[in-house]
Amino acid sequence: MTATHPPPAELAELADGRWYHCMTPELEALRNSARQACWRHNSMDPALRGGCAPELVAIFASFGKGVFIEAPFHVAYGRNLVLGDGVYMNAGCVVLDTAPVRIGRRTMLGPAVHIYCADHAHGPEERRRGFERALPVNIGEDVWIGGGAILLPGVTVGDGALIGAGSVVTRDVASGARVAGNPARQI
């Protein structure tokens, strides 16, 4: 199932990695829609929702066949999240999809995996004014991401890679690589 969303004018900066103001009413409205969809997903009887609540599926950019998302789950917008067939997300996953997040077929995320696209301004004055930029995260097919791992803005994880539990992924991971630690390094 695929939803299409015409982007508001503010999302142009998000799409190309430029700095933007993240606290506009338009972006807050989009985040609120995602919060409502997550709340619906997280509060549904698991026997009734199948792999994902329909309200949550409706906000995603793309939702493959056989995707299963355990509750609780949180996504910032949903409109930037592309899930391939057979993706599994265990309980407590968080996806801050201020930029596109693509998760390939048959990829599995352990509990409490966090994926962040937002890179906040590094100076305190710019942070106070709400400036951030959005960098995409791409995860290939058949990837395993262990519980509690964190993927930072702009990283790409190649097909068949394995990320150890509790790792902090600060740079790209090659296809078939096994990484662990903080920062994650090949093992």
N, C-alpha and C. Protein backbone atom coordinates (compact mmCIF):
# COMPACT_ATOMS: atom_id res chain seq x y z
N MET A 1 0.85 -1.16 0.00
CA MET A 1 0.00 0.00 0.00
C MET A 1 0.90 1.23 0.00
N THR A 2 0.57 2.21 -0.82
CA THR A 2 1.38 3.41 -0.92
C THR A 2 0.49 4.62 -0.73
N ALA A 3 0.95 5.55 0.07
CA ALA A 3 0.25 6.81 0.24
C ALA A 3 1.05 7.88 -0.48
N THR A 4 0.38 8.84 -1.08
CA THR A 4 1.09 9.95 -1.69
C THR A 4 0.72 11.21 -0.95
N HIS A 5 1.71 12.03 -0.69
CA HIS A 5 1.52 13.24 0.08
C HIS A 5 2.16 14.40 -0.67
N PRO A 6 1.37 15.39 -1.10
CA PRO A 6 2.01 16.56 -1.69
C PRO A 6 2.79 17.30 -0.61
N PRO A 7 4.07 17.58 -0.86
CA PRO A 7 4.87 18.21 0.20
C PRO A 7 4.52 19.67 0.40
N PRO A 8 4.37 20.10 1.66
CA PRO A 8 4.23 21.52 1.93
C PRO A 8 5.51 22.24 1.53
N ALA A 9 5.42 23.54 1.34
CA ALA A 9 6.58 24.32 0.91
C ALA A 9 7.77 24.15 1.84
N GLU A 10 7.53 24.01 3.15
CA GLU A 10 8.65 23.89 4.10
C GLU A 10 9.46 22.62 3.90
N LEU A 11 8.87 21.62 3.26
CA LEU A 11 9.58 20.35 3.12
C LEU A 11 10.62 20.38 2.01
N ALA A 12 10.69 21.43 1.21
CA ALA A 12 11.73 21.53 0.18
C ALA A 12 13.11 21.51 0.81
N GLU A 13 13.29 22.25 1.90
CA GLU A 13 14.58 22.28 2.58
C GLU A 13 14.93 20.91 3.16
N LEU A 14 13.93 20.19 3.68
CA LEU A 14 14.18 18.87 4.23
C LEU A 14 14.68 17.93 3.15
N ALA A 15 14.11 18.04 1.96
CA ALA A 15 14.42 17.09 0.90
C ALA A 15 15.85 17.19 0.41
N ASP A 16 16.45 18.35 0.50
CA ASP A 16 17.81 18.49 -0.05
C ASP A 16 18.87 18.78 1.01
N GLY A 17 18.56 18.54 2.28
CA GLY A 17 19.56 18.65 3.33
C GLY A 17 19.92 20.05 3.76
N ARG A 18 19.15 21.06 3.34
CA ARG A 18 19.41 22.44 3.78
C ARG A 18 18.91 22.63 5.21
N TRP A 19 19.49 23.62 5.89
CA TRP A 19 19.02 23.96 7.23
C TRP A 19 17.64 24.59 7.12
N TYR A 20 16.76 24.25 8.03
CA TYR A 20 15.39 24.75 8.03
C TYR A 20 14.93 24.94 9.46
N HIS A 21 13.83 25.65 9.63
CA HIS A 21 13.22 25.85 10.94
C HIS A 21 12.23 24.73 11.18
N CYS A 22 12.46 23.93 12.22
CA CYS A 22 11.66 22.71 12.44
C CYS A 22 10.39 22.95 13.24
N MET A 23 10.13 24.16 13.68
CA MET A 23 8.99 24.39 14.56
C MET A 23 7.86 25.18 13.90
N THR A 24 7.68 25.01 12.59
CA THR A 24 6.60 25.72 11.91
C THR A 24 5.26 25.05 12.22
N PRO A 25 4.17 25.79 12.12
CA PRO A 25 2.84 25.18 12.35
C PRO A 25 2.55 24.04 11.36
N GLU A 26 3.03 24.18 10.12
CA GLU A 26 2.78 23.14 9.12
C GLU A 26 3.47 21.83 9.49
N LEU A 27 4.73 21.92 9.92
CA LEU A 27 5.45 20.72 10.31
C LEU A 27 4.87 20.13 11.59
N GLU A 28 4.46 20.99 12.51
CA GLU A 28 3.84 20.49 13.75
C GLU A 28 2.54 19.76 13.43
N ALA A 29 1.78 20.24 12.47
CA ALA A 29 0.54 19.55 12.08
C ALA A 29 0.84 18.16 11.51
N LEU A 30 1.91 18.05 10.72
CA LEU A 30 2.29 16.75 10.18
C LEU A 30 2.75 15.81 11.30
N ARG A 31 3.52 16.34 12.26
CA ARG A 31 3.96 15.51 13.39
C ARG A 31 2.77 15.07 14.23
N ASN A 32 1.79 15.95 14.39
CA ASN A 32 0.60 15.60 15.17
C ASN A 32 -0.18 14.48 14.49
N SER A 33 -0.28 14.52 13.17
CA SER A 33 -0.96 13.43 12.45
C SER A 33 -0.25 12.11 12.69
N ALA A 34 1.08 12.15 12.68
CA ALA A 34 1.85 10.93 12.95
C ALA A 34 1.64 10.46 14.39
N ARG A 35 1.61 11.40 15.34
CA ARG A 35 1.36 11.02 16.73
C ARG A 35 0.02 10.31 16.88
N GLN A 36 -1.00 10.85 16.22
CA GLN A 36 -2.33 10.25 16.29
C GLN A 36 -2.33 8.84 15.70
N ALA A 37 -1.64 8.66 14.56
CA ALA A 37 -1.57 7.34 13.92
C ALA A 37 -0.81 6.36 14.81
N CYS A 38 0.27 6.83 15.43
CA CYS A 38 1.04 5.96 16.34
C CYS A 38 0.20 5.59 17.55
N TRP A 39 -0.51 6.56 18.10
CA TRP A 39 -1.36 6.28 19.26
C TRP A 39 -2.39 5.20 18.91
N ARG A 40 -2.98 5.33 17.74
CA ARG A 40 -3.99 4.34 17.31
C ARG A 40 -3.34 2.95 17.20
N HIS A 41 -2.16 2.91 16.57
CA HIS A 41 -1.45 1.63 16.41
C HIS A 41 -1.10 1.04 17.78
N ASN A 42 -0.56 1.88 18.66
CA ASN A 42 -0.08 1.41 19.96
C ASN A 42 -1.19 1.00 20.91
N SER A 43 -2.41 1.50 20.67
CA SER A 43 -3.51 1.20 21.60
C SER A 43 -4.48 0.15 21.06
N MET A 44 -4.26 -0.33 19.85
CA MET A 44 -5.16 -1.34 19.27
C MET A 44 -4.90 -2.72 19.86
N ASP A 45 -5.93 -3.51 19.92
CA ASP A 45 -5.80 -4.92 20.26
C ASP A 45 -4.91 -5.56 19.21
N PRO A 46 -3.80 -6.20 19.61
CA PRO A 46 -2.89 -6.79 18.62
C PRO A 46 -3.56 -7.80 17.69
N ALA A 47 -4.59 -8.47 18.17
CA ALA A 47 -5.28 -9.45 17.33
C ALA A 47 -6.05 -8.77 16.20
N LEU A 48 -6.39 -7.50 16.38
CA LEU A 48 -7.18 -6.78 15.38
C LEU A 48 -6.33 -6.02 14.37
N ARG A 49 -5.12 -5.61 14.77
CA ARG A 49 -4.36 -4.75 13.88
C ARG A 49 -3.51 -5.49 12.87
N GLY A 50 -3.31 -6.78 13.04
CA GLY A 50 -2.44 -7.49 12.11
C GLY A 50 -1.03 -6.95 12.23
N GLY A 51 -0.39 -6.63 11.13
CA GLY A 51 0.98 -6.14 11.15
C GLY A 51 1.12 -4.69 11.51
N CYS A 52 0.04 -3.91 11.32
CA CYS A 52 0.13 -2.47 11.55
C CYS A 52 -1.27 -1.88 11.46
N ALA A 53 -1.55 -0.90 12.30
CA ALA A 53 -2.86 -0.25 12.26
C ALA A 53 -3.04 0.47 10.93
N PRO A 54 -4.23 0.40 10.34
CA PRO A 54 -4.48 1.06 9.05
C PRO A 54 -4.16 2.56 9.06
N GLU A 55 -4.40 3.21 10.19
CA GLU A 55 -4.11 4.65 10.28
C GLU A 55 -2.62 4.92 10.15
N LEU A 56 -1.80 4.01 10.63
CA LEU A 56 -0.35 4.17 10.52
C LEU A 56 0.10 3.87 9.10
N VAL A 57 -0.42 2.81 8.52
CA VAL A 57 -0.07 2.47 7.13
C VAL A 57 -0.39 3.64 6.21
N ALA A 58 -1.49 4.32 6.46
CA ALA A 58 -1.94 5.41 5.58
C ALA A 58 -0.98 6.58 5.53
N ILE A 59 -0.16 6.79 6.57
CA ILE A 59 0.74 7.94 6.54
C ILE A 59 2.11 7.61 5.97
N PHE A 60 2.45 6.31 5.81
CA PHE A 60 3.76 5.93 5.30
C PHE A 60 3.89 6.25 3.82
N ALA A 61 5.13 6.52 3.39
CA ALA A 61 5.39 6.73 1.96
C ALA A 61 5.14 5.44 1.20
N SER A 62 5.55 4.31 1.78
CA SER A 62 5.34 3.01 1.14
C SER A 62 5.39 1.93 2.22
N PHE A 63 4.52 0.94 2.08
CA PHE A 63 4.37 -0.11 3.08
C PHE A 63 4.28 -1.45 2.35
N GLY A 64 5.33 -2.28 2.45
CA GLY A 64 5.38 -3.55 1.72
C GLY A 64 4.47 -4.61 2.30
N LYS A 65 4.38 -5.70 1.56
CA LYS A 65 3.58 -6.85 2.01
C LYS A 65 4.27 -7.54 3.19
N GLY A 66 3.47 -7.97 4.14
CA GLY A 66 3.99 -8.75 5.25
C GLY A 66 4.81 -7.95 6.26
N VAL A 67 4.71 -6.64 6.26
CA VAL A 67 5.40 -5.81 7.26
C VAL A 67 4.71 -6.00 8.60
N PHE A 68 5.51 -6.10 9.67
CA PHE A 68 4.94 -6.21 11.01
C PHE A 68 5.67 -5.25 11.92
N ILE A 69 4.92 -4.38 12.58
CA ILE A 69 5.47 -3.39 13.51
C ILE A 69 4.84 -3.63 14.88
N GLU A 70 5.68 -4.06 15.82
CA GLU A 70 5.21 -4.28 17.19
C GLU A 70 4.94 -2.93 17.86
N ALA A 71 4.01 -2.91 18.80
CA ALA A 71 3.77 -1.74 19.62
C ALA A 71 4.61 -1.84 20.88
N PRO A 72 5.05 -0.75 21.44
CA PRO A 72 4.86 0.61 20.96
C PRO A 72 5.82 0.96 19.83
N PHE A 73 5.40 1.92 19.02
CA PHE A 73 6.17 2.40 17.88
C PHE A 73 5.98 3.91 17.79
N HIS A 74 7.03 4.62 17.35
CA HIS A 74 6.91 6.05 17.14
C HIS A 74 7.60 6.44 15.84
N VAL A 75 6.96 7.29 15.08
CA VAL A 75 7.53 7.86 13.86
C VAL A 75 7.24 9.36 13.88
N ALA A 76 8.20 10.17 13.41
CA ALA A 76 8.02 11.63 13.44
C ALA A 76 6.99 12.10 12.43
N TYR A 77 7.08 11.63 11.19
CA TYR A 77 6.17 12.05 10.13
C TYR A 77 5.49 10.87 9.44
N GLY A 78 6.21 9.80 9.20
CA GLY A 78 5.66 8.66 8.47
C GLY A 78 5.73 8.83 6.97
N ARG A 79 5.49 10.01 6.49
CA ARG A 79 5.44 10.30 5.06
C ARG A 79 6.78 10.08 4.38
N ASN A 80 7.87 9.99 5.14
CA ASN A 80 9.20 9.76 4.57
C ASN A 80 9.70 8.34 4.78
N LEU A 81 8.85 7.45 5.29
CA LEU A 81 9.27 6.09 5.63
C LEU A 81 8.82 5.10 4.56
N VAL A 82 9.80 4.38 3.99
CA VAL A 82 9.55 3.36 2.96
C VAL A 82 9.96 2.02 3.54
N LEU A 83 9.00 1.10 3.66
CA LEU A 83 9.25 -0.22 4.22
C LEU A 83 9.06 -1.28 3.15
N GLY A 84 10.09 -2.08 2.90
CA GLY A 84 10.00 -3.16 1.93
C GLY A 84 9.23 -4.35 2.47
N ASP A 85 8.94 -5.29 1.60
CA ASP A 85 8.21 -6.50 1.98
C ASP A 85 8.91 -7.23 3.12
N GLY A 86 8.13 -7.70 4.08
CA GLY A 86 8.64 -8.55 5.13
C GLY A 86 9.48 -7.86 6.19
N VAL A 87 9.47 -6.53 6.24
CA VAL A 87 10.21 -5.82 7.30
C VAL A 87 9.54 -6.12 8.64
N TYR A 88 10.37 -6.34 9.67
CA TYR A 88 9.88 -6.56 11.02
C TYR A 88 10.55 -5.57 11.96
N MET A 89 9.73 -4.88 12.75
CA MET A 89 10.23 -3.95 13.77
C MET A 89 9.70 -4.41 15.12
N ASN A 90 10.62 -4.70 16.03
CA ASN A 90 10.24 -5.16 17.36
C ASN A 90 9.76 -3.97 18.19
N ALA A 91 9.31 -4.24 19.40
CA ALA A 91 8.71 -3.24 20.28
C ALA A 91 9.68 -2.11 20.60
N GLY A 92 9.15 -0.89 20.61
CA GLY A 92 9.92 0.27 21.05
C GLY A 92 10.75 0.94 19.99
N CYS A 93 10.56 0.59 18.72
CA CYS A 93 11.34 1.25 17.67
C CYS A 93 10.87 2.68 17.46
N VAL A 94 11.83 3.55 17.13
CA VAL A 94 11.57 4.97 16.88
C VAL A 94 12.24 5.34 15.57
N VAL A 95 11.48 5.99 14.68
CA VAL A 95 12.02 6.46 13.41
C VAL A 95 11.71 7.94 13.29
N LEU A 96 12.76 8.77 13.38
CA LEU A 96 12.59 10.22 13.24
C LEU A 96 12.89 10.57 11.79
N ASP A 97 11.87 10.42 10.96
CA ASP A 97 12.00 10.49 9.51
C ASP A 97 11.81 11.91 8.97
N THR A 98 12.66 12.83 9.40
CA THR A 98 12.62 14.17 8.83
C THR A 98 13.14 14.16 7.40
N ALA A 99 13.89 13.13 7.02
CA ALA A 99 14.35 12.87 5.66
C ALA A 99 13.89 11.46 5.30
N PRO A 100 14.05 11.07 4.04
CA PRO A 100 13.65 9.71 3.68
C PRO A 100 14.41 8.64 4.47
N VAL A 101 13.67 7.64 4.92
CA VAL A 101 14.22 6.45 5.55
C VAL A 101 13.71 5.28 4.72
N ARG A 102 14.64 4.53 4.16
CA ARG A 102 14.27 3.37 3.35
C ARG A 102 14.80 2.11 4.06
N ILE A 103 13.91 1.16 4.30
CA ILE A 103 14.28 -0.10 4.93
C ILE A 103 13.93 -1.21 3.96
N GLY A 104 14.95 -1.96 3.54
CA GLY A 104 14.78 -2.98 2.51
C GLY A 104 14.08 -4.24 2.96
N ARG A 105 13.72 -5.03 1.98
CA ARG A 105 12.97 -6.27 2.20
C ARG A 105 13.67 -7.19 3.21
N ARG A 106 12.83 -7.80 4.02
CA ARG A 106 13.23 -8.82 5.01
C ARG A 106 14.21 -8.32 6.06
N THR A 107 14.32 -7.03 6.22
CA THR A 107 15.18 -6.47 7.27
C THR A 107 14.45 -6.55 8.60
N MET A 108 15.21 -6.86 9.64
CA MET A 108 14.63 -7.02 10.97
C MET A 108 15.30 -6.07 11.96
N LEU A 109 14.48 -5.35 12.73
CA LEU A 109 14.97 -4.45 13.76
C LEU A 109 14.60 -5.02 15.11
N GLY A 110 15.60 -5.13 16.00
CA GLY A 110 15.35 -5.61 17.35
C GLY A 110 14.60 -4.55 18.16
N PRO A 111 14.30 -4.85 19.42
CA PRO A 111 13.57 -3.90 20.24
C PRO A 111 14.38 -2.63 20.48
N ALA A 112 13.65 -1.52 20.52
CA ALA A 112 14.21 -0.20 20.87
C ALA A 112 15.28 0.29 19.90
N VAL A 113 15.22 -0.12 18.64
CA VAL A 113 16.12 0.45 17.63
C VAL A 113 15.62 1.85 17.30
N HIS A 114 16.56 2.80 17.22
CA HIS A 114 16.22 4.19 16.89
C HIS A 114 16.95 4.59 15.62
N ILE A 115 16.22 5.26 14.72
CA ILE A 115 16.76 5.76 13.47
C ILE A 115 16.50 7.26 13.44
N TYR A 116 17.59 8.05 13.36
CA TYR A 116 17.47 9.51 13.41
C TYR A 116 17.95 10.13 12.10
N CYS A 117 17.14 11.02 11.54
CA CYS A 117 17.53 11.78 10.35
C CYS A 117 17.86 13.23 10.70
N ALA A 118 17.33 13.74 11.79
CA ALA A 118 17.51 15.15 12.15
C ALA A 118 18.91 15.41 12.69
N ASP A 119 19.55 16.41 12.13
CA ASP A 119 20.85 16.89 12.60
C ASP A 119 20.61 18.32 13.07
N HIS A 120 20.55 18.51 14.37
CA HIS A 120 20.25 19.83 14.92
C HIS A 120 21.47 20.73 14.81
N ALA A 121 21.21 22.01 14.77
CA ALA A 121 22.29 23.00 14.70
C ALA A 121 23.24 22.79 15.87
N HIS A 122 24.51 23.01 15.63
CA HIS A 122 25.52 22.74 16.65
C HIS A 122 25.73 23.93 17.60
N GLY A 123 25.39 25.13 17.17
CA GLY A 123 25.51 26.30 18.03
C GLY A 123 24.26 26.52 18.85
N PRO A 124 24.39 26.97 20.12
CA PRO A 124 23.21 27.12 20.97
C PRO A 124 22.20 28.13 20.44
N GLU A 125 22.65 29.22 19.85
CA GLU A 125 21.72 30.23 19.33
C GLU A 125 20.86 29.65 18.20
N GLU A 126 21.49 28.91 17.28
CA GLU A 126 20.74 28.30 16.17
C GLU A 126 19.77 27.23 16.69
N ARG A 127 20.21 26.47 17.69
CA ARG A 127 19.32 25.45 18.27
C ARG A 127 18.12 26.11 18.93
N ARG A 128 18.35 27.22 19.65
CA ARG A 128 17.22 27.92 20.29
C ARG A 128 16.21 28.38 19.26
N ARG A 129 16.68 28.71 18.06
CA ARG A 129 15.78 29.18 17.00
C ARG A 129 15.16 28.02 16.23
N GLY A 130 15.51 26.77 16.60
CA GLY A 130 14.85 25.61 16.01
C GLY A 130 15.41 25.16 14.67
N PHE A 131 16.69 25.44 14.40
CA PHE A 131 17.26 25.04 13.12
C PHE A 131 17.78 23.60 13.16
N GLU A 132 17.47 22.88 12.10
CA GLU A 132 17.99 21.53 11.91
C GLU A 132 18.06 21.27 10.42
N ARG A 133 18.73 20.18 10.06
CA ARG A 133 18.70 19.71 8.69
C ARG A 133 18.38 18.23 8.74
N ALA A 134 17.93 17.70 7.61
CA ALA A 134 17.49 16.31 7.55
C ALA A 134 18.37 15.55 6.58
N LEU A 135 18.97 14.45 7.05
CA LEU A 135 19.82 13.60 6.22
C LEU A 135 19.22 12.21 6.15
N PRO A 136 19.10 11.64 4.95
CA PRO A 136 18.43 10.34 4.80
C PRO A 136 19.19 9.19 5.42
N VAL A 137 18.46 8.13 5.76
CA VAL A 137 19.03 6.88 6.24
C VAL A 137 18.52 5.78 5.32
N ASN A 138 19.44 4.99 4.79
CA ASN A 138 19.09 3.90 3.88
C ASN A 138 19.60 2.59 4.46
N ILE A 139 18.69 1.63 4.57
CA ILE A 139 19.03 0.31 5.10
C ILE A 139 18.66 -0.70 4.03
N GLY A 140 19.60 -1.54 3.67
CA GLY A 140 19.40 -2.50 2.59
C GLY A 140 18.49 -3.66 2.96
N GLU A 141 18.52 -4.67 2.12
CA GLU A 141 17.71 -5.87 2.31
C GLU A 141 18.43 -6.86 3.22
N ASP A 142 17.66 -7.68 3.93
CA ASP A 142 18.18 -8.77 4.75
C ASP A 142 19.18 -8.30 5.81
N VAL A 143 18.95 -7.13 6.35
CA VAL A 143 19.80 -6.58 7.41
C VAL A 143 19.22 -6.97 8.76
N TRP A 144 20.08 -7.24 9.73
CA TRP A 144 19.65 -7.47 11.10
C TRP A 144 20.24 -6.36 11.95
N ILE A 145 19.38 -5.64 12.69
CA ILE A 145 19.82 -4.57 13.58
C ILE A 145 19.43 -4.98 14.99
N GLY A 146 20.42 -5.19 15.85
CA GLY A 146 20.19 -5.66 17.20
C GLY A 146 19.53 -4.61 18.09
N GLY A 147 18.89 -5.08 19.14
CA GLY A 147 18.15 -4.23 20.06
C GLY A 147 18.97 -3.07 20.60
N GLY A 148 18.33 -1.92 20.70
CA GLY A 148 18.94 -0.74 21.28
C GLY A 148 19.94 -0.04 20.39
N ALA A 149 20.12 -0.49 19.15
CA ALA A 149 21.04 0.18 18.24
C ALA A 149 20.47 1.53 17.82
N ILE A 150 21.36 2.46 17.53
CA ILE A 150 20.99 3.80 17.07
C ILE A 150 21.70 4.06 15.75
N LEU A 151 20.93 4.47 14.74
CA LEU A 151 21.50 4.85 13.45
C LEU A 151 21.37 6.36 13.33
N LEU A 152 22.50 7.02 13.10
CA LEU A 152 22.54 8.48 13.05
C LEU A 152 22.27 9.01 11.64
N PRO A 153 21.99 10.32 11.53
CA PRO A 153 21.63 10.91 10.24
C PRO A 153 22.67 10.64 9.15
N GLY A 154 22.15 10.32 7.96
CA GLY A 154 22.98 10.21 6.78
C GLY A 154 23.64 8.87 6.54
N VAL A 155 23.42 7.86 7.38
CA VAL A 155 24.11 6.59 7.19
C VAL A 155 23.37 5.69 6.20
N THR A 156 24.16 4.84 5.55
CA THR A 156 23.65 3.80 4.67
C THR A 156 24.17 2.46 5.18
N VAL A 157 23.28 1.48 5.27
CA VAL A 157 23.64 0.13 5.70
C VAL A 157 23.39 -0.78 4.50
N GLY A 158 24.43 -1.49 4.07
CA GLY A 158 24.32 -2.36 2.89
C GLY A 158 23.56 -3.63 3.16
N ASP A 159 23.18 -4.29 2.07
CA ASP A 159 22.43 -5.55 2.13
C ASP A 159 23.17 -6.58 2.98
N GLY A 160 22.42 -7.33 3.76
CA GLY A 160 22.96 -8.45 4.51
C GLY A 160 23.84 -8.09 5.69
N ALA A 161 23.93 -6.81 6.04
CA ALA A 161 24.77 -6.39 7.16
C ALA A 161 24.13 -6.79 8.49
N LEU A 162 24.95 -6.85 9.52
CA LEU A 162 24.50 -7.15 10.87
C LEU A 162 25.04 -6.06 11.79
N ILE A 163 24.16 -5.45 12.58
CA ILE A 163 24.55 -4.41 13.53
C ILE A 163 24.26 -4.95 14.92
N GLY A 164 25.31 -5.02 15.75
CA GLY A 164 25.17 -5.58 17.09
C GLY A 164 24.30 -4.74 18.00
N ALA A 165 23.69 -5.39 18.97
CA ALA A 165 22.82 -4.72 19.93
C ALA A 165 23.59 -3.60 20.64
N GLY A 166 22.92 -2.47 20.83
CA GLY A 166 23.50 -1.35 21.55
C GLY A 166 24.48 -0.52 20.74
N SER A 167 24.68 -0.83 19.49
CA SER A 167 25.65 -0.09 18.67
C SER A 167 25.13 1.28 18.31
N VAL A 168 26.06 2.20 18.09
CA VAL A 168 25.74 3.53 17.58
C VAL A 168 26.42 3.64 16.22
N VAL A 169 25.60 3.66 15.17
CA VAL A 169 26.12 3.67 13.79
C VAL A 169 26.27 5.12 13.35
N THR A 170 27.53 5.54 13.22
CA THR A 170 27.85 6.93 12.88
C THR A 170 28.31 7.09 11.44
N ARG A 171 28.59 5.96 10.76
CA ARG A 171 29.04 6.02 9.36
C ARG A 171 28.49 4.81 8.61
N ASP A 172 28.65 4.82 7.29
CA ASP A 172 28.10 3.77 6.45
C ASP A 172 28.63 2.39 6.84
N VAL A 173 27.78 1.37 6.64
CA VAL A 173 28.12 -0.02 6.90
C VAL A 173 28.04 -0.75 5.56
N ALA A 174 29.12 -1.42 5.18
CA ALA A 174 29.18 -2.13 3.89
C ALA A 174 28.25 -3.34 3.87
N SER A 175 27.85 -3.74 2.68
CA SER A 175 27.06 -4.95 2.51
C SER A 175 27.79 -6.13 3.13
N GLY A 176 27.07 -6.95 3.88
CA GLY A 176 27.63 -8.14 4.48
C GLY A 176 28.51 -7.90 5.70
N ALA A 177 28.75 -6.65 6.07
CA ALA A 177 29.61 -6.34 7.23
C ALA A 177 28.89 -6.65 8.53
N ARG A 178 29.69 -6.90 9.56
CA ARG A 178 29.19 -7.07 10.91
C ARG A 178 29.86 -5.98 11.75
N VAL A 179 29.03 -5.14 12.37
CA VAL A 179 29.57 -4.05 13.17
C VAL A 179 28.95 -4.07 14.55
N ALA A 180 29.70 -3.52 15.52
CA ALA A 180 29.20 -3.41 16.89
C ALA A 180 29.99 -2.35 17.61
N GLY A 181 29.41 -1.81 18.67
CA GLY A 181 30.11 -0.86 19.53
C GLY A 181 29.64 0.57 19.36
N ASN A 182 30.32 1.45 20.12
CA ASN A 182 30.01 2.87 20.11
C ASN A 182 31.32 3.66 20.02
N PRO A 183 31.61 4.19 18.82
CA PRO A 183 30.87 4.05 17.57
C PRO A 183 31.03 2.65 16.99
N ALA A 184 30.07 2.25 16.17
CA ALA A 184 30.09 0.91 15.58
C ALA A 184 31.31 0.73 14.69
N ARG A 185 32.00 -0.39 14.88
CA ARG A 185 33.18 -0.74 14.07
C ARG A 185 33.03 -2.18 13.60
N GLN A 186 33.67 -2.47 12.49
CA GLN A 186 33.59 -3.83 11.94
C GLN A 186 34.20 -4.83 12.93
N ILE A 187 33.52 -5.99 13.04
CA ILE A 187 34.02 -7.07 13.92
C ILE A 187 34.26 -8.32 13.09
